[in-house]
Amino acid sequence: MPSRFYHHVLIILVSLISTQALHAATRTVKFAWKASPSAEVVGYKIFWGTGSHNYQNVRDVKNVLATSLTLSETKYYVAVTAYSMTTNSGLSSEVIVPPL
């Protein structure tokens, strides 16, 4: 895989769009990121967990550039990777979702 694939994926930005309480124990948080300009990218995966760079969960969102997660009141750390047919990029910058 050409190194430009990795270069472009590292500029993916994850941003907290909104938080909405569902009930006392959970909330829905929306995330969006910029598309990689690499033609090799076929999809994205979002990772989240309760420790920095310690992700217990992953969701393949295919080629969508936004998703929502239902999270508990705990602090969460979230990052995104892009993937091609043969490899994954490095993780994006981490976003912290503060506790309620």
PDB file of N, CA and C in Angstrom:
ATOM      1  N   MET A   1       0.839  -1.168   0.000  1.00  0.00           N
ATOM      2  CA  MET A   1       0.000   0.000   0.000  1.00  0.00           C
ATOM      3  C   MET A   1       0.887   1.235   0.000  1.00  0.00           C
ATOM      4  N   PRO A   2       0.653   2.172  -0.881  1.00  0.00           N
ATOM      5  CA  PRO A   2       1.473   3.381  -0.914  1.00  0.00           C
ATOM      6  C   PRO A   2       1.379   4.163   0.384  1.00  0.00           C
ATOM      7  N   SER A   3       2.451   4.836   0.740  1.00  0.00           N
ATOM      8  CA  SER A   3       2.482   5.566   2.009  1.00  0.00           C
ATOM      9  C   SER A   3       1.498   6.727   2.023  1.00  0.00           C
ATOM     10  N   ARG A   4       1.071   7.236   0.874  1.00  0.00           N
ATOM     11  CA  ARG A   4       0.125   8.351   0.875  1.00  0.00           C
ATOM     12  C   ARG A   4      -1.203   7.948   1.496  1.00  0.00           C
ATOM     13  N   PHE A   5      -1.552   6.665   1.437  1.00  0.00           N
ATOM     14  CA  PHE A   5      -2.766   6.183   2.082  1.00  0.00           C
ATOM     15  C   PHE A   5      -2.722   6.525   3.574  1.00  0.00           C
ATOM     16  N   TYR A   6      -1.622   6.223   4.219  1.00  0.00           N
ATOM     17  CA  TYR A   6      -1.475   6.510   5.635  1.00  0.00           C
ATOM     18  C   TYR A   6      -1.435   8.012   5.895  1.00  0.00           C
ATOM     19  N   HIS A   7      -0.762   8.751   5.058  1.00  0.00           N
ATOM     20  CA  HIS A   7      -0.654  10.196   5.236  1.00  0.00           C
ATOM     21  C   HIS A   7      -2.031  10.852   5.240  1.00  0.00           C
ATOM     22  N   HIS A   8      -2.870  10.511   4.294  1.00  0.00           N
ATOM     23  CA  HIS A   8      -4.179  11.139   4.189  1.00  0.00           C
ATOM     24  C   HIS A   8      -5.119  10.705   5.315  1.00  0.00           C
ATOM     25  N   VAL A   9      -5.012   9.474   5.735  1.00  0.00           N
ATOM     26  CA  VAL A   9      -5.901   8.986   6.778  1.00  0.00           C
ATOM     27  C   VAL A   9      -5.599   9.639   8.120  1.00  0.00           C
ATOM     28  N   LEU A  10      -4.362   9.981   8.368  1.00  0.00           N
ATOM     29  CA  LEU A  10      -4.005  10.592   9.634  1.00  0.00           C
ATOM     30  C   LEU A  10      -4.637  11.963   9.823  1.00  0.00           C
ATOM     31  N   ILE A  11      -5.128  12.571   8.761  1.00  0.00           N
ATOM     32  CA  ILE A  11      -5.762  13.881   8.904  1.00  0.00           C
ATOM     33  C   ILE A  11      -7.266  13.786   9.139  1.00  0.00           C
ATOM     34  N   ILE A  12      -7.792  12.570   9.275  1.00  0.00           N
ATOM     35  CA  ILE A  12      -9.212  12.411   9.595  1.00  0.00           C
ATOM     36  C   ILE A  12      -9.483  13.068  10.937  1.00  0.00           C
ATOM     37  N   LEU A  13     -10.543  13.835  11.002  1.00  0.00           N
ATOM     38  CA  LEU A  13     -10.917  14.490  12.244  1.00  0.00           C
ATOM     39  C   LEU A  13     -12.225  13.915  12.754  1.00  0.00           C
ATOM     40  N   VAL A  14     -12.268  13.596  14.022  1.00  0.00           N
ATOM     41  CA  VAL A  14     -13.488  13.142  14.654  1.00  0.00           C
ATOM     42  C   VAL A  14     -13.979  14.288  15.515  1.00  0.00           C
ATOM     43  N   SER A  15     -15.243  14.597  15.421  1.00  0.00           N
ATOM     44  CA  SER A  15     -15.742  15.706  16.222  1.00  0.00           C
ATOM     45  C   SER A  15     -17.071  15.360  16.863  1.00  0.00           C
ATOM     46  N   LEU A  16     -17.239  15.830  18.061  1.00  0.00           N
ATOM     47  CA  LEU A  16     -18.489  15.666  18.784  1.00  0.00           C
ATOM     48  C   LEU A  16     -19.486  16.655  18.213  1.00  0.00           C
ATOM     49  N   ILE A  17     -20.597  16.157  17.697  1.00  0.00           N
ATOM     50  CA  ILE A  17     -21.601  17.034  17.108  1.00  0.00           C
ATOM     51  C   ILE A  17     -22.655  17.419  18.143  1.00  0.00           C
ATOM     52  N   SER A  18     -23.219  16.436  18.825  1.00  0.00           N
ATOM     53  CA  SER A  18     -24.237  16.764  19.814  1.00  0.00           C
ATOM     54  C   SER A  18     -24.389  15.626  20.805  1.00  0.00           C
ATOM     55  N   THR A  19     -24.937  15.951  21.944  1.00  0.00           N
ATOM     56  CA  THR A  19     -25.228  14.969  22.981  1.00  0.00           C
ATOM     57  C   THR A  19     -26.672  15.140  23.382  1.00  0.00           C
ATOM     58  N   GLN A  20     -27.393  14.026  23.480  1.00  0.00           N
ATOM     59  CA  GLN A  20     -28.796  14.084  23.843  1.00  0.00           C
ATOM     60  C   GLN A  20     -29.063  12.989  24.863  1.00  0.00           C
ATOM     61  N   ALA A  21     -29.631  13.333  25.997  1.00  0.00           N
ATOM     62  CA  ALA A  21     -29.920  12.340  27.035  1.00  0.00           C
ATOM     63  C   ALA A  21     -31.097  11.473  26.618  1.00  0.00           C
ATOM     64  N   LEU A  22     -30.949  10.147  26.714  1.00  0.00           N
ATOM     65  CA  LEU A  22     -32.054   9.223  26.475  1.00  0.00           C
ATOM     66  C   LEU A  22     -32.787   8.957  27.781  1.00  0.00           C
ATOM     67  N   HIS A  23     -32.061   8.672  28.795  1.00  0.00           N
ATOM     68  CA  HIS A  23     -32.548   8.581  30.170  1.00  0.00           C
ATOM     69  C   HIS A  23     -31.329   8.706  31.057  1.00  0.00           C
ATOM     70  N   ALA A  24     -31.494   8.593  32.345  1.00  0.00           N
ATOM     71  CA  ALA A  24     -30.431   8.917  33.299  1.00  0.00           C
ATOM     72  C   ALA A  24     -29.132   8.142  33.066  1.00  0.00           C
ATOM     73  N   ALA A  25     -29.187   6.914  32.540  1.00  0.00           N
ATOM     74  CA  ALA A  25     -27.991   6.084  32.478  1.00  0.00           C
ATOM     75  C   ALA A  25     -27.275   6.112  31.126  1.00  0.00           C
ATOM     76  N   THR A  26     -27.907   6.615  30.068  1.00  0.00           N
ATOM     77  CA  THR A  26     -27.263   6.620  28.753  1.00  0.00           C
ATOM     78  C   THR A  26     -27.511   7.931  28.025  1.00  0.00           C
ATOM     79  N   ARG A  27     -26.724   8.121  26.964  1.00  0.00           N
ATOM     80  CA  ARG A  27     -26.884   9.287  26.084  1.00  0.00           C
ATOM     81  C   ARG A  27     -26.458   8.886  24.688  1.00  0.00           C
ATOM     82  N   THR A  28     -26.973   9.580  23.713  1.00  0.00           N
ATOM     83  CA  THR A  28     -26.593   9.345  22.330  1.00  0.00           C
ATOM     84  C   THR A  28     -25.650  10.455  21.902  1.00  0.00           C
ATOM     85  N   VAL A  29     -24.493  10.057  21.384  1.00  0.00           N
ATOM     86  CA  VAL A  29     -23.487  11.029  20.955  1.00  0.00           C
ATOM     87  C   VAL A  29     -23.246  10.796  19.465  1.00  0.00           C
ATOM     88  N   LYS A  30     -23.306  11.866  18.688  1.00  0.00           N
ATOM     89  CA  LYS A  30     -23.084  11.781  17.248  1.00  0.00           C
ATOM     90  C   LYS A  30     -21.648  12.183  16.919  1.00  0.00           C
ATOM     91  N   PHE A  31     -21.042  11.467  15.986  1.00  0.00           N
ATOM     92  CA  PHE A  31     -19.675  11.731  15.545  1.00  0.00           C
ATOM     93  C   PHE A  31     -19.654  11.863  14.024  1.00  0.00           C
ATOM     94  N   ALA A  32     -18.799  12.732  13.533  1.00  0.00           N
ATOM     95  CA  ALA A  32     -18.597  12.883  12.092  1.00  0.00           C
ATOM     96  C   ALA A  32     -17.109  13.121  11.847  1.00  0.00           C
ATOM     97  N   TRP A  33     -16.631  12.751  10.667  1.00  0.00           N
ATOM     98  CA  TRP A  33     -15.225  12.933  10.324  1.00  0.00           C
ATOM     99  C   TRP A  33     -15.122  13.236   8.844  1.00  0.00           C
ATOM    100  N   LYS A  34     -13.996  13.796   8.472  1.00  0.00           N
ATOM    101  CA  LYS A  34     -13.738  14.118   7.074  1.00  0.00           C
ATOM    102  C   LYS A  34     -13.299  12.862   6.332  1.00  0.00           C
ATOM    103  N   ALA A  35     -13.717  12.774   5.097  1.00  0.00           N
ATOM    104  CA  ALA A  35     -13.333  11.634   4.257  1.00  0.00           C
ATOM    105  C   ALA A  35     -11.854  11.710   3.922  1.00  0.00           C
ATOM    106  N   SER A  36     -11.234  10.561   3.835  1.00  0.00           N
ATOM    107  CA  SER A  36      -9.866  10.499   3.346  1.00  0.00           C
ATOM    108  C   SER A  36      -9.894  10.785   1.843  1.00  0.00           C
ATOM    109  N   PRO A  37      -8.960  11.580   1.342  1.00  0.00           N
ATOM    110  CA  PRO A  37      -8.923  11.826  -0.097  1.00  0.00           C
ATOM    111  C   PRO A  37      -8.349  10.650  -0.899  1.00  0.00           C
ATOM    112  N   SER A  38      -7.864   9.639  -0.220  1.00  0.00           N
ATOM    113  CA  SER A  38      -7.281   8.489  -0.909  1.00  0.00           C
ATOM    114  C   SER A  38      -8.372   7.665  -1.598  1.00  0.00           C
ATOM    115  N   ALA A  39      -8.185   7.379  -2.863  1.00  0.00           N
ATOM    116  CA  ALA A  39      -9.132   6.563  -3.622  1.00  0.00           C
ATOM    117  C   ALA A  39      -9.133   5.109  -3.142  1.00  0.00           C
ATOM    118  N   GLU A  40      -8.127   4.721  -2.375  1.00  0.00           N
ATOM    119  CA  GLU A  40      -8.026   3.348  -1.887  1.00  0.00           C
ATOM    120  C   GLU A  40      -8.939   3.074  -0.693  1.00  0.00           C
ATOM    121  N   VAL A  41      -9.393   4.110  -0.009  1.00  0.00           N
ATOM    122  CA  VAL A  41     -10.228   3.932   1.185  1.00  0.00           C
ATOM    123  C   VAL A  41     -11.615   3.449   0.771  1.00  0.00           C
ATOM    124  N   VAL A  42     -12.060   2.356   1.413  1.00  0.00           N
ATOM    125  CA  VAL A  42     -13.391   1.810   1.139  1.00  0.00           C
ATOM    126  C   VAL A  42     -14.315   1.895   2.342  1.00  0.00           C
ATOM    127  N   GLY A  43     -13.775   2.254   3.519  1.00  0.00           N
ATOM    128  CA  GLY A  43     -14.630   2.333   4.695  1.00  0.00           C
ATOM    129  C   GLY A  43     -13.900   2.864   5.909  1.00  0.00           C
ATOM    130  N   TYR A  44     -14.678   2.966   7.000  1.00  0.00           N
ATOM    131  CA  TYR A  44     -14.173   3.515   8.256  1.00  0.00           C
ATOM    132  C   TYR A  44     -14.651   2.661   9.418  1.00  0.00           C
ATOM    133  N   LYS A  45     -13.845   2.634  10.475  1.00  0.00           N
ATOM    134  CA  LYS A  45     -14.220   1.964  11.720  1.00  0.00           C
ATOM    135  C   LYS A  45     -14.080   2.968  12.843  1.00  0.00           C
ATOM    136  N   ILE A  46     -15.049   2.971  13.745  1.00  0.00           N
ATOM    137  CA  ILE A  46     -14.999   3.837  14.919  1.00  0.00           C
ATOM    138  C   ILE A  46     -14.723   2.951  16.132  1.00  0.00           C
ATOM    139  N   PHE A  47     -13.795   3.411  16.963  1.00  0.00           N
ATOM    140  CA  PHE A  47     -13.386   2.684  18.164  1.00  0.00           C
ATOM    141  C   PHE A  47     -13.739   3.528  19.377  1.00  0.00           C
ATOM    142  N   TRP A  48     -14.210   2.901  20.461  1.00  0.00           N
ATOM    143  CA  TRP A  48     -14.474   3.639  21.686  1.00  0.00           C
ATOM    144  C   TRP A  48     -14.277   2.752  22.908  1.00  0.00           C
ATOM    145  N   GLY A  49     -13.910   3.421  24.006  1.00  0.00           N
ATOM    146  CA  GLY A  49     -13.677   2.714  25.251  1.00  0.00           C
ATOM    147  C   GLY A  49     -13.506   3.690  26.389  1.00  0.00           C
ATOM    148  N   THR A  50     -13.300   3.151  27.577  1.00  0.00           N
ATOM    149  CA  THR A  50     -13.236   3.970  28.785  1.00  0.00           C
ATOM    150  C   THR A  50     -11.826   4.357  29.184  1.00  0.00           C
ATOM    151  N   GLY A  51     -10.834   3.954  28.403  1.00  0.00           N
ATOM    152  CA  GLY A  51      -9.455   4.347  28.667  1.00  0.00           C
ATOM    153  C   GLY A  51      -8.822   4.912  27.408  1.00  0.00           C
ATOM    154  N   SER A  52      -7.931   5.862  27.586  1.00  0.00           N
ATOM    155  CA  SER A  52      -7.257   6.463  26.447  1.00  0.00           C
ATOM    156  C   SER A  52      -6.470   5.408  25.683  1.00  0.00           C
ATOM    157  N   HIS A  53      -6.733   5.280  24.401  1.00  0.00           N
ATOM    158  CA  HIS A  53      -6.109   4.297  23.517  1.00  0.00           C
ATOM    159  C   HIS A  53      -6.325   2.870  23.999  1.00  0.00           C
ATOM    160  N   ASN A  54      -7.398   2.652  24.752  1.00  0.00           N
ATOM    161  CA  ASN A  54      -7.780   1.332  25.234  1.00  0.00           C
ATOM    162  C   ASN A  54      -9.251   1.133  24.867  1.00  0.00           C
ATOM    163  N   TYR A  55      -9.489   0.760  23.616  1.00  0.00           N
ATOM    164  CA  TYR A  55     -10.845   0.691  23.080  1.00  0.00           C
ATOM    165  C   TYR A  55     -11.409  -0.716  23.220  1.00  0.00           C
ATOM    166  N   GLN A  56     -12.515  -0.828  23.914  1.00  0.00           N
ATOM    167  CA  GLN A  56     -13.166  -2.120  24.091  1.00  0.00           C
ATOM    168  C   GLN A  56     -14.185  -2.408  22.994  1.00  0.00           C
ATOM    169  N   ASN A  57     -14.519  -1.397  22.192  1.00  0.00           N
ATOM    170  CA  ASN A  57     -15.579  -1.535  21.204  1.00  0.00           C
ATOM    171  C   ASN A  57     -15.130  -1.013  19.850  1.00  0.00           C
ATOM    172  N   VAL A  58     -15.663  -1.623  18.798  1.00  0.00           N
ATOM    173  CA  VAL A  58     -15.396  -1.166  17.439  1.00  0.00           C
ATOM    174  C   VAL A  58     -16.654  -1.392  16.599  1.00  0.00           C
ATOM    175  N   ARG A  59     -16.918  -0.468  15.684  1.00  0.00           N
ATOM    176  CA  ARG A  59     -18.031  -0.610  14.744  1.00  0.00           C
ATOM    177  C   ARG A  59     -17.537  -0.245  13.350  1.00  0.00           C
ATOM    178  N   ASP A  60     -17.780  -1.138  12.420  1.00  0.00           N
ATOM    179  CA  ASP A  60     -17.480  -0.867  11.016  1.00  0.00           C
ATOM    180  C   ASP A  60     -18.680  -0.126  10.442  1.00  0.00           C
ATOM    181  N   VAL A  61     -18.476   1.127  10.049  1.00  0.00           N
ATOM    182  CA  VAL A  61     -19.584   1.924   9.525  1.00  0.00           C
ATOM    183  C   VAL A  61     -19.549   1.973   7.993  1.00  0.00           C
ATOM    184  N   LYS A  62     -18.739   1.116   7.402  1.00  0.00           N
ATOM    185  CA  LYS A  62     -18.586   1.040   5.933  1.00  0.00           C
ATOM    186  C   LYS A  62     -18.102   2.376   5.390  1.00  0.00           C
ATOM    187  N   ASN A  63     -18.750   2.927   4.385  1.00  0.00           N
ATOM    188  CA  ASN A  63     -18.265   4.172   3.777  1.00  0.00           C
ATOM    189  C   ASN A  63     -19.035   5.405   4.255  1.00  0.00           C
ATOM    190  N   VAL A  64     -19.678   5.312   5.399  1.00  0.00           N
ATOM    191  CA  VAL A  64     -20.429   6.424   5.987  1.00  0.00           C
ATOM    192  C   VAL A  64     -19.458   7.328   6.758  1.00  0.00           C
ATOM    193  N   LEU A  65     -19.724   8.634   6.771  1.00  0.00           N
ATOM    194  CA  LEU A  65     -18.840   9.603   7.437  1.00  0.00           C
ATOM    195  C   LEU A  65     -19.399  10.126   8.749  1.00  0.00           C
ATOM    196  N   ALA A  66     -20.387   9.443   9.307  1.00  0.00           N
ATOM    197  CA  ALA A  66     -20.954   9.839  10.594  1.00  0.00           C
ATOM    198  C   ALA A  66     -21.655   8.633  11.209  1.00  0.00           C
ATOM    199  N   THR A  67     -21.726   8.641  12.531  1.00  0.00           N
ATOM    200  CA  THR A  67     -22.461   7.599  13.240  1.00  0.00           C
ATOM    201  C   THR A  67     -22.828   8.114  14.622  1.00  0.00           C
ATOM    202  N   SER A  68     -23.746   7.438  15.285  1.00  0.00           N
ATOM    203  CA  SER A  68     -24.132   7.755  16.661  1.00  0.00           C
ATOM    204  C   SER A  68     -23.804   6.567  17.541  1.00  0.00           C
ATOM    205  N   LEU A  69     -23.384   6.864  18.758  1.00  0.00           N
ATOM    206  CA  LEU A  69     -23.117   5.828  19.753  1.00  0.00           C
ATOM    207  C   LEU A  69     -23.978   6.101  20.968  1.00  0.00           C
ATOM    208  N   THR A  70     -24.536   5.061  21.552  1.00  0.00           N
ATOM    209  CA  THR A  70     -25.250   5.173  22.817  1.00  0.00           C
ATOM    210  C   THR A  70     -24.262   4.823  23.915  1.00  0.00           C
ATOM    211  N   LEU A  71     -23.958   5.804  24.756  1.00  0.00           N
ATOM    212  CA  LEU A  71     -22.924   5.661  25.777  1.00  0.00           C
ATOM    213  C   LEU A  71     -23.500   5.872  27.168  1.00  0.00           C
ATOM    214  N   SER A  72     -22.894   5.245  28.146  1.00  0.00           N
ATOM    215  CA  SER A  72     -23.300   5.445  29.538  1.00  0.00           C
ATOM    216  C   SER A  72     -22.768   6.783  30.040  1.00  0.00           C
ATOM    217  N   GLU A  73     -22.930   7.042  31.317  1.00  0.00           N
ATOM    218  CA  GLU A  73     -22.525   8.314  31.933  1.00  0.00           C
ATOM    219  C   GLU A  73     -21.009   8.470  32.062  1.00  0.00           C
ATOM    220  N   THR A  74     -20.262   7.413  31.806  1.00  0.00           N
ATOM    221  CA  THR A  74     -18.816   7.379  31.969  1.00  0.00           C
ATOM    222  C   THR A  74     -18.101   8.219  30.912  1.00  0.00           C
ATOM    223  N   LYS A  75     -16.866   8.618  31.200  1.00  0.00           N
ATOM    224  CA  LYS A  75     -16.005   9.273  30.208  1.00  0.00           C
ATOM    225  C   LYS A  75     -15.596   8.240  29.158  1.00  0.00           C
ATOM    226  N   TYR A  76     -15.635   8.639  27.879  1.00  0.00           N
ATOM    227  CA  TYR A  76     -15.248   7.753  26.786  1.00  0.00           C
ATOM    228  C   TYR A  76     -14.190   8.411  25.912  1.00  0.00           C
ATOM    229  N   TYR A  77     -13.391   7.567  25.281  1.00  0.00           N
ATOM    230  CA  TYR A  77     -12.376   7.976  24.329  1.00  0.00           C
ATOM    231  C   TYR A  77     -12.750   7.345  22.993  1.00  0.00           C
ATOM    232  N   VAL A  78     -12.718   8.152  21.925  1.00  0.00           N
ATOM    233  CA  VAL A  78     -13.204   7.696  20.627  1.00  0.00           C
ATOM    234  C   VAL A  78     -12.192   8.065  19.544  1.00  0.00           C
ATOM    235  N   ALA A  79     -11.990   7.159  18.584  1.00  0.00           N
ATOM    236  CA  ALA A  79     -11.104   7.414  17.443  1.00  0.00           C
ATOM    237  C   ALA A  79     -11.639   6.666  16.225  1.00  0.00           C
ATOM    238  N   VAL A  80     -11.150   7.046  15.055  1.00  0.00           N
ATOM    239  CA  VAL A  80     -11.598   6.457  13.792  1.00  0.00           C
ATOM    240  C   VAL A  80     -10.384   6.004  12.983  1.00  0.00           C
ATOM    241  N   THR A  81     -10.552   4.925  12.228  1.00  0.00           N
ATOM    242  CA  THR A  81      -9.562   4.523  11.233  1.00  0.00           C
ATOM    243  C   THR A  81     -10.260   4.393   9.884  1.00  0.00           C
ATOM    244  N   ALA A  82      -9.484   4.555   8.846  1.00  0.00           N
ATOM    245  CA  ALA A  82      -9.963   4.275   7.496  1.00  0.00           C
ATOM    246  C   ALA A  82      -9.349   2.942   7.086  1.00  0.00           C
ATOM    247  N   TYR A  83     -10.004   2.254   6.164  1.00  0.00           N
ATOM    248  CA  TYR A  83      -9.419   1.011   5.675  1.00  0.00           C
ATOM    249  C   TYR A  83      -9.605   0.871   4.175  1.00  0.00           C
ATOM    250  N   SER A  84      -8.682   0.135   3.589  1.00  0.00           N
ATOM    251  CA  SER A  84      -8.746  -0.201   2.164  1.00  0.00           C
ATOM    252  C   SER A  84      -9.069  -1.692   2.080  1.00  0.00           C
ATOM    253  N   MET A  85      -8.973  -2.244   0.913  1.00  0.00           N
ATOM    254  CA  MET A  85      -9.226  -3.680   0.744  1.00  0.00           C
ATOM    255  C   MET A  85      -8.132  -4.530   1.386  1.00  0.00           C
ATOM    256  N   THR A  86      -6.965  -3.924   1.672  1.00  0.00           N
ATOM    257  CA  THR A  86      -5.846  -4.727   2.171  1.00  0.00           C
ATOM    258  C   THR A  86      -5.275  -4.276   3.515  1.00  0.00           C
ATOM    259  N   THR A  87      -5.601  -3.083   3.999  1.00  0.00           N
ATOM    260  CA  THR A  87      -4.961  -2.594   5.219  1.00  0.00           C
ATOM    261  C   THR A  87      -5.815  -1.548   5.927  1.00  0.00           C
ATOM    262  N   ASN A  88      -5.465  -1.276   7.181  1.00  0.00           N
ATOM    263  CA  ASN A  88      -6.094  -0.212   7.981  1.00  0.00           C
ATOM    264  C   ASN A  88      -5.114   0.931   8.161  1.00  0.00           C
ATOM    265  N   SER A  89      -5.649   2.133   8.320  1.00  0.00           N
ATOM    266  CA  SER A  89      -4.803   3.284   8.628  1.00  0.00           C
ATOM    267  C   SER A  89      -4.503   3.289  10.118  1.00  0.00           C
ATOM    268  N   GLY A  90      -3.706   4.246  10.540  1.00  0.00           N
ATOM    269  CA  GLY A  90      -3.535   4.488  11.959  1.00  0.00           C
ATOM    270  C   GLY A  90      -4.781   5.158  12.510  1.00  0.00           C
ATOM    271  N   LEU A  91      -4.864   5.247  13.807  1.00  0.00           N
ATOM    272  CA  LEU A  91      -6.021   5.897  14.439  1.00  0.00           C
ATOM    273  C   LEU A  91      -5.977   7.405  14.249  1.00  0.00           C
ATOM    274  N   SER A  92      -7.136   8.004  14.172  1.00  0.00           N
ATOM    275  CA  SER A  92      -7.243   9.459  14.131  1.00  0.00           C
ATOM    276  C   SER A  92      -6.892  10.028  15.514  1.00  0.00           C
ATOM    277  N   SER A  93      -6.929  11.318  15.623  1.00  0.00           N
ATOM    278  CA  SER A  93      -6.800  11.941  16.934  1.00  0.00           C
ATOM    279  C   SER A  93      -7.968  11.467  17.802  1.00  0.00           C
ATOM    280  N   GLU A  94      -7.701  11.308  19.064  1.00  0.00           N
ATOM    281  CA  GLU A  94      -8.709  10.826  19.990  1.00  0.00           C
ATOM    282  C   GLU A  94      -9.613  11.966  20.441  1.00  0.00           C
ATOM    283  N   VAL A  95     -10.909  11.689  20.531  1.00  0.00           N
ATOM    284  CA  VAL A  95     -11.877  12.644  21.057  1.00  0.00           C
ATOM    285  C   VAL A  95     -12.337  12.121  22.413  1.00  0.00           C
ATOM    286  N   ILE A  96     -12.427  13.012  23.391  1.00  0.00           N
ATOM    287  CA  ILE A  96     -12.897  12.615  24.719  1.00  0.00           C
ATOM    288  C   ILE A  96     -14.334  13.071  24.888  1.00  0.00           C
ATOM    289  N   VAL A  97     -15.198  12.122  25.247  1.00  0.00           N
ATOM    290  CA  VAL A  97     -16.591  12.425  25.571  1.00  0.00           C
ATOM    291  C   VAL A  97     -16.647  12.496  27.098  1.00  0.00           C
ATOM    292  N   PRO A  98     -16.884  13.689  27.668  1.00  0.00           N
ATOM    293  CA  PRO A  98     -16.849  13.820  29.124  1.00  0.00           C
ATOM    294  C   PRO A  98     -17.981  13.062  29.800  1.00  0.00           C
ATOM    295  N   PRO A  99     -17.800  12.728  31.068  1.00  0.00           N
ATOM    296  CA  PRO A  99     -18.875  12.058  31.792  1.00  0.00           C
ATOM    297  C   PRO A  99     -20.046  13.027  31.991  1.00  0.00           C
ATOM    298  N   LEU A 100     -21.217  12.465  32.212  1.00  0.00           N
ATOM    299  CA  LEU A 100     -22.393  13.298  32.490  1.00  0.00           C
ATOM    300  C   LEU A 100     -22.314  13.905  33.869  1.00  0.00           C
TER     301      LEU A 100
END
